[in-house]
């Protein structure tokens, strides 16, 4: 059995589209678990009414990506699911997209997790994510192929440094060994941390592009209308800066740690200059809050 964890946060329409697409997958024994962050009675009732076969786990508070997914993962493990998938609610999956991912996990006992190719939903010819690269020298990350036109080089199987939490399929036994998502992150960089922890145990992470999924990006981080300080929520900047520091503190060592923290100092300075020039005081203030909490939080 594959337990698929989908987190909803006040976004019924995208979650509905995602669940509809999952119902095309017939070849795999699935258990779909929807964790409803800061659950709203009306949308929760609609989800359960329109999708009676899902397991709905309503939460009173917004537990973030990490907290909500951990609740879903723990529930999936109680079902004795052999595999756990995390899937963003703003994705559309093609029919039987899980099959090639399962084949990858079956192909090598050292492969712990796999992701598909992820394309932009509003531009089907552009890649959103074809795997991740991690640079130990400064604890920075890069997404392979991001915003690039799809070509044959993105259709090649490869091993990667980290896998996006947008869509990741893992063997349940690996989660038992490595542990759950680190809830200090709340959202952003938690997938990189999880991936690095898995790799430190000696396992491999894979990218299989056979059946791409499609991502409606920014549903939880961007406002639909331009606000006083832009489309992107100030809270995203806070998480981005704070969590990058968390990542460096947890994984950078020796000369790499020194270099990483110097780069993080340059990062907050460059953000500050930009926000000052743009007169974005809220983003300036919350970015520095994230920077300070990145170092003061006990991990």
C-alpha atoms as a PDB file:
ATOM      1  CA  UNK A   1       0.000   0.000   0.000  1.00  0.00           C
ATOM      2  CA  UNK A   2       1.028   3.604  -0.696  1.00  0.00           C
ATOM      3  CA  UNK A   3      -0.224   6.200   1.787  1.00  0.00           C
ATOM      4  CA  UNK A   4      -0.413   9.609   0.087  1.00  0.00           C
ATOM      5  CA  UNK A   5      -0.328  12.606   2.409  1.00  0.00           C
ATOM      6  CA  UNK A   6      -1.949  15.793   1.086  1.00  0.00           C
ATOM      7  CA  UNK A   7      -1.979  18.913   3.273  1.00  0.00           C
ATOM      8  CA  UNK A   8      -4.807  21.398   2.802  1.00  0.00           C
ATOM      9  CA  UNK A   9      -4.660  24.917   4.219  1.00  0.00           C
ATOM     10  CA  UNK A  10      -7.687  27.048   3.286  1.00  0.00           C
ATOM     11  CA  UNK A  11      -7.326  26.029  -0.336  1.00  0.00           C
ATOM     12  CA  UNK A  12     -10.233  23.747  -1.134  1.00  0.00           C
ATOM     13  CA  UNK A  13     -10.238  24.300  -4.913  1.00  0.00           C
ATOM     14  CA  UNK A  14      -6.637  23.189  -5.482  1.00  0.00           C
ATOM     15  CA  UNK A  15      -6.998  20.286  -3.055  1.00  0.00           C
ATOM     16  CA  UNK A  16     -10.137  19.148  -4.888  1.00  0.00           C
ATOM     17  CA  UNK A  17      -8.315  19.217  -8.249  1.00  0.00           C
ATOM     18  CA  UNK A  18      -5.407  17.273  -6.782  1.00  0.00           C
ATOM     19  CA  UNK A  19      -7.674  14.598  -5.290  1.00  0.00           C
ATOM     20  CA  UNK A  20      -9.596  14.257  -8.565  1.00  0.00           C
ATOM     21  CA  UNK A  21      -6.337  13.590 -10.395  1.00  0.00           C
ATOM     22  CA  UNK A  22      -5.294  10.980  -7.821  1.00  0.00           C
ATOM     23  CA  UNK A  23      -8.506   9.056  -8.431  1.00  0.00           C
ATOM     24  CA  UNK A  24      -7.207   8.260 -11.934  1.00  0.00           C
ATOM     25  CA  UNK A  25      -4.527   6.033 -10.383  1.00  0.00           C
ATOM     26  CA  UNK A  26      -6.019   2.550 -10.388  1.00  0.00           C
ATOM     27  CA  UNK A  27      -3.059   0.154 -10.513  1.00  0.00           C
ATOM     28  CA  UNK A  28      -1.786   0.882  -7.008  1.00  0.00           C
ATOM     29  CA  UNK A  29      -3.317   0.196  -3.608  1.00  0.00           C
ATOM     30  CA  UNK A  30      -3.700   3.736  -2.273  1.00  0.00           C
ATOM     31  CA  UNK A  31      -4.754   5.307   0.994  1.00  0.00           C
ATOM     32  CA  UNK A  32      -5.237   9.062   0.595  1.00  0.00           C
ATOM     33  CA  UNK A  33      -4.836  11.036   3.815  1.00  0.00           C
ATOM     34  CA  UNK A  34      -5.760  14.725   3.821  1.00  0.00           C
ATOM     35  CA  UNK A  35      -4.474  16.733   6.762  1.00  0.00           C
ATOM     36  CA  UNK A  36      -6.594  19.880   6.972  1.00  0.00           C
ATOM     37  CA  UNK A  37      -4.546  22.650   8.589  1.00  0.00           C
ATOM     38  CA  UNK A  38      -6.572  25.250  10.531  1.00  0.00           C
ATOM     39  CA  UNK A  39      -9.622  23.329   9.396  1.00  0.00           C
ATOM     40  CA  UNK A  40     -12.669  25.258   8.202  1.00  0.00           C
ATOM     41  CA  UNK A  41     -15.929  23.391   8.820  1.00  0.00           C
ATOM     42  CA  UNK A  42     -17.488  24.128   5.427  1.00  0.00           C
ATOM     43  CA  UNK A  43     -14.501  23.077   3.305  1.00  0.00           C
ATOM     44  CA  UNK A  44     -13.834  20.030   5.512  1.00  0.00           C
ATOM     45  CA  UNK A  45     -17.409  18.874   5.011  1.00  0.00           C
ATOM     46  CA  UNK A  46     -17.119  19.406   1.249  1.00  0.00           C
ATOM     47  CA  UNK A  47     -13.896  17.400   1.106  1.00  0.00           C
ATOM     48  CA  UNK A  48     -15.399  14.496   3.006  1.00  0.00           C
ATOM     49  CA  UNK A  49     -18.655  14.643   1.046  1.00  0.00           C
ATOM     50  CA  UNK A  50     -17.020  14.832  -2.397  1.00  0.00           C
ATOM     51  CA  UNK A  51     -14.244  12.363  -1.594  1.00  0.00           C
ATOM     52  CA  UNK A  52     -15.720   9.790   0.793  1.00  0.00           C
ATOM     53  CA  UNK A  53     -12.785   7.418   0.357  1.00  0.00           C
ATOM     54  CA  UNK A  54     -10.185   9.777   1.805  1.00  0.00           C
ATOM     55  CA  UNK A  55      -9.140   9.901   5.442  1.00  0.00           C
ATOM     56  CA  UNK A  56      -9.594  13.488   6.635  1.00  0.00           C
ATOM     57  CA  UNK A  57      -7.560  14.627   9.643  1.00  0.00           C
ATOM     58  CA  UNK A  58      -8.752  18.145  10.619  1.00  0.00           C
ATOM     59  CA  UNK A  59      -6.387  20.281  12.721  1.00  0.00           C
ATOM     60  CA  UNK A  60      -7.415  23.291  14.783  1.00  0.00           C
ATOM     61  CA  UNK A  61      -4.169  25.192  14.083  1.00  0.00           C
ATOM     62  CA  UNK A  62      -1.933  25.687  11.088  1.00  0.00           C
ATOM     63  CA  UNK A  63       0.844  23.212  11.845  1.00  0.00           C
ATOM     64  CA  UNK A  64       2.811  24.122   8.748  1.00  0.00           C
ATOM     65  CA  UNK A  65       4.111  21.740   6.112  1.00  0.00           C
ATOM     66  CA  UNK A  66       6.190  19.797   8.619  1.00  0.00           C
ATOM     67  CA  UNK A  67       3.700  19.386  11.452  1.00  0.00           C
ATOM     68  CA  UNK A  68       0.769  18.493   9.196  1.00  0.00           C
ATOM     69  CA  UNK A  69       2.745  16.023   7.113  1.00  0.00           C
ATOM     70  CA  UNK A  70       4.135  14.379  10.240  1.00  0.00           C
ATOM     71  CA  UNK A  71       0.572  13.765  11.449  1.00  0.00           C
ATOM     72  CA  UNK A  72      -0.255  12.203   8.082  1.00  0.00           C
ATOM     73  CA  UNK A  73       2.937  10.139   8.038  1.00  0.00           C
ATOM     74  CA  UNK A  74       2.273   8.746  11.508  1.00  0.00           C
ATOM     75  CA  UNK A  75      -1.258   7.830  10.474  1.00  0.00           C
ATOM     76  CA  UNK A  76       0.051   6.169   7.297  1.00  0.00           C
ATOM     77  CA  UNK A  77       2.520   4.116   9.316  1.00  0.00           C
ATOM     78  CA  UNK A  78      -0.310   2.841  11.539  1.00  0.00           C
ATOM     79  CA  UNK A  79      -1.903   1.453   8.366  1.00  0.00           C
ATOM     80  CA  UNK A  80       1.290  -0.552   7.756  1.00  0.00           C
ATOM     81  CA  UNK A  81       1.690   1.223   4.415  1.00  0.00           C
ATOM     82  CA  UNK A  82       4.848   0.002   2.715  1.00  0.00           C
ATOM     83  CA  UNK A  83       5.384   3.398   1.094  1.00  0.00           C
ATOM     84  CA  UNK A  84       4.627   6.986   2.093  1.00  0.00           C
ATOM     85  CA  UNK A  85       4.198   9.812  -0.413  1.00  0.00           C
ATOM     86  CA  UNK A  86       4.108  13.516   0.381  1.00  0.00           C
ATOM     87  CA  UNK A  87       2.240  15.406  -2.332  1.00  0.00           C
ATOM     88  CA  UNK A  88       1.487  19.124  -2.496  1.00  0.00           C
ATOM     89  CA  UNK A  89      -2.215  19.919  -2.721  1.00  0.00           C
ATOM     90  CA  UNK A  90      -1.540  22.312  -5.632  1.00  0.00           C
ATOM     91  CA  UNK A  91      -0.346  19.543  -7.955  1.00  0.00           C
ATOM     92  CA  UNK A  92      -2.068  17.601 -10.714  1.00  0.00           C
ATOM     93  CA  UNK A  93      -0.938  14.022 -11.186  1.00  0.00           C
ATOM     94  CA  UNK A  94      -1.330  11.960 -14.391  1.00  0.00           C
ATOM     95  CA  UNK A  95      -2.895   8.513 -14.416  1.00  0.00           C
ATOM     96  CA  UNK A  96      -0.819   5.837 -12.649  1.00  0.00           C
ATOM     97  CA  UNK A  97       2.101   8.237 -12.101  1.00  0.00           C
ATOM     98  CA  UNK A  98       3.165   6.244  -9.035  1.00  0.00           C
ATOM     99  CA  UNK A  99       4.031   3.092 -11.026  1.00  0.00           C
ATOM    100  CA  UNK A 100       7.443   4.219 -12.372  1.00  0.00           C
ATOM    101  CA  UNK A 101       8.346   5.658  -8.963  1.00  0.00           C
ATOM    102  CA  UNK A 102       7.635   2.304  -7.322  1.00  0.00           C
ATOM    103  CA  UNK A 103       9.703   0.571 -10.000  1.00  0.00           C
ATOM    104  CA  UNK A 104      12.626   2.805  -9.068  1.00  0.00           C
ATOM    105  CA  UNK A 105      12.340   1.909  -5.385  1.00  0.00           C
ATOM    106  CA  UNK A 106      12.089  -1.793  -6.276  1.00  0.00           C
ATOM    107  CA  UNK A 107      15.150  -1.604  -8.534  1.00  0.00           C
ATOM    108  CA  UNK A 108      17.759  -0.980  -5.837  1.00  0.00           C
ATOM    109  CA  UNK A 109      17.594  -1.650  -2.071  1.00  0.00           C
ATOM    110  CA  UNK A 110      19.852   1.358  -1.490  1.00  0.00           C
ATOM    111  CA  UNK A 111      17.332   3.818  -2.997  1.00  0.00           C
ATOM    112  CA  UNK A 112      15.356   5.307  -0.109  1.00  0.00           C
ATOM    113  CA  UNK A 113      13.193   7.827  -1.956  1.00  0.00           C
ATOM    114  CA  UNK A 114      12.296   9.051  -5.426  1.00  0.00           C
ATOM    115  CA  UNK A 115      10.626  12.042  -7.052  1.00  0.00           C
ATOM    116  CA  UNK A 116       9.063  12.569 -10.491  1.00  0.00           C
ATOM    117  CA  UNK A 117       9.782  15.391 -12.894  1.00  0.00           C
ATOM    118  CA  UNK A 118       7.637  18.361 -11.884  1.00  0.00           C
ATOM    119  CA  UNK A 119       6.443  20.816 -14.505  1.00  0.00           C
ATOM    120  CA  UNK A 120       4.773  24.222 -14.231  1.00  0.00           C
ATOM    121  CA  UNK A 121       1.008  23.785 -14.448  1.00  0.00           C
ATOM    122  CA  UNK A 122       0.591  27.091 -16.284  1.00  0.00           C
ATOM    123  CA  UNK A 123       3.418  26.327 -18.735  1.00  0.00           C
ATOM    124  CA  UNK A 124       3.555  22.635 -19.577  1.00  0.00           C
ATOM    125  CA  UNK A 125       6.851  22.971 -21.470  1.00  0.00           C
ATOM    126  CA  UNK A 126       8.795  24.413 -18.524  1.00  0.00           C
ATOM    127  CA  UNK A 127      10.427  22.448 -15.751  1.00  0.00           C
ATOM    128  CA  UNK A 128       9.721  23.384 -12.143  1.00  0.00           C
ATOM    129  CA  UNK A 129      11.904  20.730 -10.517  1.00  0.00           C
ATOM    130  CA  UNK A 130      14.071  17.922 -11.866  1.00  0.00           C
ATOM    131  CA  UNK A 131      15.860  17.128  -8.615  1.00  0.00           C
ATOM    132  CA  UNK A 132      18.020  19.111  -6.238  1.00  0.00           C
ATOM    133  CA  UNK A 133      21.719  19.856  -5.794  1.00  0.00           C
ATOM    134  CA  UNK A 134      23.264  20.674  -2.408  1.00  0.00           C
ATOM    135  CA  UNK A 135      26.555  22.611  -2.150  1.00  0.00           C
ATOM    136  CA  UNK A 136      28.291  21.709   1.133  1.00  0.00           C
ATOM    137  CA  UNK A 137      30.777  24.583   0.783  1.00  0.00           C
ATOM    138  CA  UNK A 138      28.144  27.158   1.719  1.00  0.00           C
ATOM    139  CA  UNK A 139      25.087  25.022   2.598  1.00  0.00           C
ATOM    140  CA  UNK A 140      23.208  26.332  -0.440  1.00  0.00           C
ATOM    141  CA  UNK A 141      20.831  24.542  -2.775  1.00  0.00           C
ATOM    142  CA  UNK A 142      19.853  24.585  -6.428  1.00  0.00           C
ATOM    143  CA  UNK A 143      16.885  23.100  -8.284  1.00  0.00           C
ATOM    144  CA  UNK A 144      17.893  21.283 -11.461  1.00  0.00           C
ATOM    145  CA  UNK A 145      16.137  22.628 -14.531  1.00  0.00           C
ATOM    146  CA  UNK A 146      14.069  25.239 -12.718  1.00  0.00           C
ATOM    147  CA  UNK A 147      12.215  27.500 -15.170  1.00  0.00           C
ATOM    148  CA  UNK A 148      14.004  25.887 -18.119  1.00  0.00           C
ATOM    149  CA  UNK A 149      12.351  24.627 -21.291  1.00  0.00           C
ATOM    150  CA  UNK A 150      11.938  20.868 -21.107  1.00  0.00           C
ATOM    151  CA  UNK A 151      14.567  18.972 -23.118  1.00  0.00           C
ATOM    152  CA  UNK A 152      15.884  15.414 -23.291  1.00  0.00           C
ATOM    153  CA  UNK A 153      18.450  16.045 -20.548  1.00  0.00           C
ATOM    154  CA  UNK A 154      15.581  16.315 -18.067  1.00  0.00           C
ATOM    155  CA  UNK A 155      14.270  12.924 -19.210  1.00  0.00           C
ATOM    156  CA  UNK A 156      17.250  11.012 -17.832  1.00  0.00           C
ATOM    157  CA  UNK A 157      17.139   9.027 -14.602  1.00  0.00           C
ATOM    158  CA  UNK A 158      19.632  10.361 -12.057  1.00  0.00           C
ATOM    159  CA  UNK A 159      20.617  10.297  -8.406  1.00  0.00           C
ATOM    160  CA  UNK A 160      20.189  13.637  -6.656  1.00  0.00           C
ATOM    161  CA  UNK A 161      21.332  15.355  -3.456  1.00  0.00           C
ATOM    162  CA  UNK A 162      17.848  16.251  -2.245  1.00  0.00           C
ATOM    163  CA  UNK A 163      14.229  15.732  -3.201  1.00  0.00           C
ATOM    164  CA  UNK A 164      11.478  18.310  -3.025  1.00  0.00           C
ATOM    165  CA  UNK A 165       8.655  17.798  -0.539  1.00  0.00           C
ATOM    166  CA  UNK A 166       6.288  18.773  -3.359  1.00  0.00           C
ATOM    167  CA  UNK A 167       6.290  15.087  -4.357  1.00  0.00           C
ATOM    168  CA  UNK A 168       8.431  12.490  -2.650  1.00  0.00           C
ATOM    169  CA  UNK A 169       7.843   8.742  -2.391  1.00  0.00           C
ATOM    170  CA  UNK A 170       9.699   6.959   0.400  1.00  0.00           C
ATOM    171  CA  UNK A 171       9.974   3.465   1.787  1.00  0.00           C
ATOM    172  CA  UNK A 172       8.267   3.440   5.192  1.00  0.00           C
ATOM    173  CA  UNK A 173      11.180   1.577   6.741  1.00  0.00           C
ATOM    174  CA  UNK A 174      13.411   4.539   5.898  1.00  0.00           C
ATOM    175  CA  UNK A 175      11.147   6.937   7.803  1.00  0.00           C
ATOM    176  CA  UNK A 176      11.285   4.603  10.793  1.00  0.00           C
ATOM    177  CA  UNK A 177      15.081   4.787  10.606  1.00  0.00           C
ATOM    178  CA  UNK A 178      15.639   8.477   9.823  1.00  0.00           C
ATOM    179  CA  UNK A 179      12.700   9.965  11.734  1.00  0.00           C
ATOM    180  CA  UNK A 180      10.004  12.437  10.787  1.00  0.00           C
ATOM    181  CA  UNK A 181      10.343  15.905   9.279  1.00  0.00           C
ATOM    182  CA  UNK A 182      12.029  18.404  11.593  1.00  0.00           C
ATOM    183  CA  UNK A 183       9.147  20.572  12.816  1.00  0.00           C
ATOM    184  CA  UNK A 184      11.454  23.490  13.679  1.00  0.00           C
ATOM    185  CA  UNK A 185      11.391  24.307   9.940  1.00  0.00           C
ATOM    186  CA  UNK A 186       7.577  24.669   9.694  1.00  0.00           C
ATOM    187  CA  UNK A 187       7.964  25.108   5.917  1.00  0.00           C
ATOM    188  CA  UNK A 188      10.895  25.579   3.485  1.00  0.00           C
ATOM    189  CA  UNK A 189      14.237  23.718   3.594  1.00  0.00           C
ATOM    190  CA  UNK A 190      12.652  20.867   5.596  1.00  0.00           C
ATOM    191  CA  UNK A 191      12.868  18.632   2.517  1.00  0.00           C
ATOM    192  CA  UNK A 192      16.564  19.406   2.089  1.00  0.00           C
ATOM    193  CA  UNK A 193      17.209  18.587   5.753  1.00  0.00           C
ATOM    194  CA  UNK A 194      15.266  15.315   5.462  1.00  0.00           C
ATOM    195  CA  UNK A 195      17.105  14.362   2.276  1.00  0.00           C
ATOM    196  CA  UNK A 196      20.522  15.046   3.789  1.00  0.00           C
ATOM    197  CA  UNK A 197      19.646  13.027   6.878  1.00  0.00           C
ATOM    198  CA  UNK A 198      18.627  10.112   4.661  1.00  0.00           C
ATOM    199  CA  UNK A 199      21.836  10.323   2.638  1.00  0.00           C
ATOM    200  CA  UNK A 200      23.946  10.431   5.800  1.00  0.00           C
ATOM    201  CA  UNK A 201      22.553   6.979   6.584  1.00  0.00           C
ATOM    202  CA  UNK A 202      24.087   5.764   3.325  1.00  0.00           C
ATOM    203  CA  UNK A 203      20.968   5.707   1.129  1.00  0.00           C
ATOM    204  CA  UNK A 204      20.405   7.072  -2.368  1.00  0.00           C
ATOM    205  CA  UNK A 205      17.791   9.538  -3.622  1.00  0.00           C
ATOM    206  CA  UNK A 206      16.527   9.227  -7.181  1.00  0.00           C
ATOM    207  CA  UNK A 207      14.798  11.236  -9.902  1.00  0.00           C
ATOM    208  CA  UNK A 208      12.530   9.384 -12.327  1.00  0.00           C
ATOM    209  CA  UNK A 209      11.080  11.611 -15.106  1.00  0.00           C
ATOM    210  CA  UNK A 210       8.847   8.999 -16.767  1.00  0.00           C
ATOM    211  CA  UNK A 211       5.477  10.528 -15.786  1.00  0.00           C
ATOM    212  CA  UNK A 212       5.707  14.219 -14.811  1.00  0.00           C
ATOM    213  CA  UNK A 213       3.286  15.915 -12.447  1.00  0.00           C
ATOM    214  CA  UNK A 214       2.187  19.551 -12.717  1.00  0.00           C
ATOM    215  CA  UNK A 215       2.565  22.185 -10.011  1.00  0.00           C
ATOM    216  CA  UNK A 216       0.458  25.308  -9.495  1.00  0.00           C
ATOM    217  CA  UNK A 217       3.234  27.155  -7.702  1.00  0.00           C
ATOM    218  CA  UNK A 218       2.855  29.688  -4.941  1.00  0.00           C
ATOM    219  CA  UNK A 219      -0.634  28.809  -3.743  1.00  0.00           C
ATOM    220  CA  UNK A 220       0.288  29.101  -0.070  1.00  0.00           C
ATOM    221  CA  UNK A 221       3.042  31.717  -0.240  1.00  0.00           C
ATOM    222  CA  UNK A 222       1.737  34.353  -2.657  1.00  0.00           C
ATOM    223  CA  UNK A 223      -1.245  36.640  -2.439  1.00  0.00           C
ATOM    224  CA  UNK A 224      -3.516  36.614  -5.475  1.00  0.00           C
ATOM    225  CA  UNK A 225      -3.479  40.405  -5.549  1.00  0.00           C
ATOM    226  CA  UNK A 226      -0.455  42.611  -5.160  1.00  0.00           C
ATOM    227  CA  UNK A 227      -0.307  43.916  -1.620  1.00  0.00           C
ATOM    228  CA  UNK A 228       1.496  46.912  -0.156  1.00  0.00           C
ATOM    229  CA  UNK A 229       4.857  45.106  -0.236  1.00  0.00           C
ATOM    230  CA  UNK A 230       4.432  42.837  -3.259  1.00  0.00           C
ATOM    231  CA  UNK A 231       2.832  39.468  -3.946  1.00  0.00           C
ATOM    232  CA  UNK A 232       5.100  37.390  -1.742  1.00  0.00           C
ATOM    233  CA  UNK A 233       4.152  37.131   1.920  1.00  0.00           C
ATOM    234  CA  UNK A 234       6.659  38.657   4.392  1.00  0.00           C
ATOM    235  CA  UNK A 235       6.357  35.403   6.370  1.00  0.00           C
ATOM    236  CA  UNK A 236       7.983  33.556   3.454  1.00  0.00           C
ATOM    237  CA  UNK A 237      11.077  35.768   3.739  1.00  0.00           C
ATOM    238  CA  UNK A 238      11.176  35.102   7.472  1.00  0.00           C
ATOM    239  CA  UNK A 239      11.060  31.331   6.922  1.00  0.00           C
ATOM    240  CA  UNK A 240      13.532  31.430   4.038  1.00  0.00           C
ATOM    241  CA  UNK A 241      16.198  33.252   6.034  1.00  0.00           C
ATOM    242  CA  UNK A 242      15.621  31.488   9.364  1.00  0.00           C
ATOM    243  CA  UNK A 243      15.444  28.007   7.877  1.00  0.00           C
ATOM    244  CA  UNK A 244      18.529  28.429   5.706  1.00  0.00           C
ATOM    245  CA  UNK A 245      20.392  29.191   8.930  1.00  0.00           C
ATOM    246  CA  UNK A 246      18.853  26.094  10.530  1.00  0.00           C
ATOM    247  CA  UNK A 247      20.092  24.025   7.585  1.00  0.00           C
ATOM    248  CA  UNK A 248      23.642  25.377   7.900  1.00  0.00           C
ATOM    249  CA  UNK A 249      23.689  24.823  11.652  1.00  0.00           C
ATOM    250  CA  UNK A 250      22.521  21.228  11.270  1.00  0.00           C
ATOM    251  CA  UNK A 251      24.640  20.134   8.311  1.00  0.00           C
ATOM    252  CA  UNK A 252      27.644  22.430   7.720  1.00  0.00           C
ATOM    253  CA  UNK A 253      30.845  21.550   9.542  1.00  0.00           C
ATOM    254  CA  UNK A 254      34.381  22.936   9.761  1.00  0.00           C
ATOM    255  CA  UNK A 255      35.457  25.320   7.015  1.00  0.00           C
ATOM    256  CA  UNK A 256      32.116  24.727   5.289  1.00  0.00           C
ATOM    257  CA  UNK A 257      30.284  26.080   8.339  1.00  0.00           C
ATOM    258  CA  UNK A 258      32.425  29.231   8.445  1.00  0.00           C
ATOM    259  CA  UNK A 259      31.833  29.865   4.756  1.00  0.00           C
ATOM    260  CA  UNK A 260      28.105  29.108   5.027  1.00  0.00           C
ATOM    261  CA  UNK A 261      27.540  31.571   7.864  1.00  0.00           C
ATOM    262  CA  UNK A 262      29.497  34.292   6.066  1.00  0.00           C
ATOM    263  CA  UNK A 263      27.254  33.738   3.033  1.00  0.00           C
ATOM    264  CA  UNK A 264      24.174  33.931   5.252  1.00  0.00           C
ATOM    265  CA  UNK A 265      25.382  37.267   6.625  1.00  0.00           C
ATOM    266  CA  UNK A 266      25.773  38.554   3.064  1.00  0.00           C
ATOM    267  CA  UNK A 267      22.299  37.210   2.292  1.00  0.00           C
ATOM    268  CA  UNK A 268      20.587  39.212   5.058  1.00  0.00           C
ATOM    269  CA  UNK A 269      22.586  42.331   4.137  1.00  0.00           C
ATOM    270  CA  UNK A 270      21.558  42.071   0.468  1.00  0.00           C
ATOM    271  CA  UNK A 271      17.912  41.477   1.442  1.00  0.00           C
ATOM    272  CA  UNK A 272      18.067  44.490   3.750  1.00  0.00           C
ATOM    273  CA  UNK A 273      19.476  46.790   1.081  1.00  0.00           C
ATOM    274  CA  UNK A 274      16.781  45.672  -1.362  1.00  0.00           C
ATOM    275  CA  UNK A 275      13.929  46.136   1.130  1.00  0.00           C
ATOM    276  CA  UNK A 276      15.231  49.552   2.193  1.00  0.00           C
ATOM    277  CA  UNK A 277      15.427  50.718  -1.432  1.00  0.00           C
ATOM    278  CA  UNK A 278      11.924  49.368  -2.083  1.00  0.00           C
ATOM    279  CA  UNK A 279      10.629  50.817   1.213  1.00  0.00           C
ATOM    280  CA  UNK A 280       9.363  47.443   2.365  1.00  0.00           C
ATOM    281  CA  UNK A 281       9.613  47.929   6.105  1.00  0.00           C
ATOM    282  CA  UNK A 282       7.574  44.890   7.136  1.00  0.00           C
ATOM    283  CA  UNK A 283       9.744  42.582   5.059  1.00  0.00           C
ATOM    284  CA  UNK A 284      12.903  44.224   6.380  1.00  0.00           C
ATOM    285  CA  UNK A 285      11.784  43.798   9.976  1.00  0.00           C
ATOM    286  CA  UNK A 286      10.610  40.201   9.644  1.00  0.00           C
ATOM    287  CA  UNK A 287      13.729  39.196   7.686  1.00  0.00           C
ATOM    288  CA  UNK A 288      15.917  40.326  10.565  1.00  0.00           C
ATOM    289  CA  UNK A 289      13.614  38.505  12.965  1.00  0.00           C
ATOM    290  CA  UNK A 290      14.216  35.358  10.950  1.00  0.00           C
ATOM    291  CA  UNK A 291      17.975  35.939  10.937  1.00  0.00           C
ATOM    292  CA  UNK A 292      18.143  36.368  14.716  1.00  0.00           C
ATOM    293  CA  UNK A 293      15.848  33.411  15.407  1.00  0.00           C
ATOM    294  CA  UNK A 294      17.888  31.282  13.060  1.00  0.00           C
ATOM    295  CA  UNK A 295      20.769  31.502  15.514  1.00  0.00           C
ATOM    296  CA  UNK A 296      18.883  31.755  18.816  1.00  0.00           C
ATOM    297  CA  UNK A 297      16.498  28.802  18.337  1.00  0.00           C
ATOM    298  CA  UNK A 298      17.602  25.626  20.076  1.00  0.00           C
ATOM    299  CA  UNK A 299      17.572  22.806  17.506  1.00  0.00           C
END
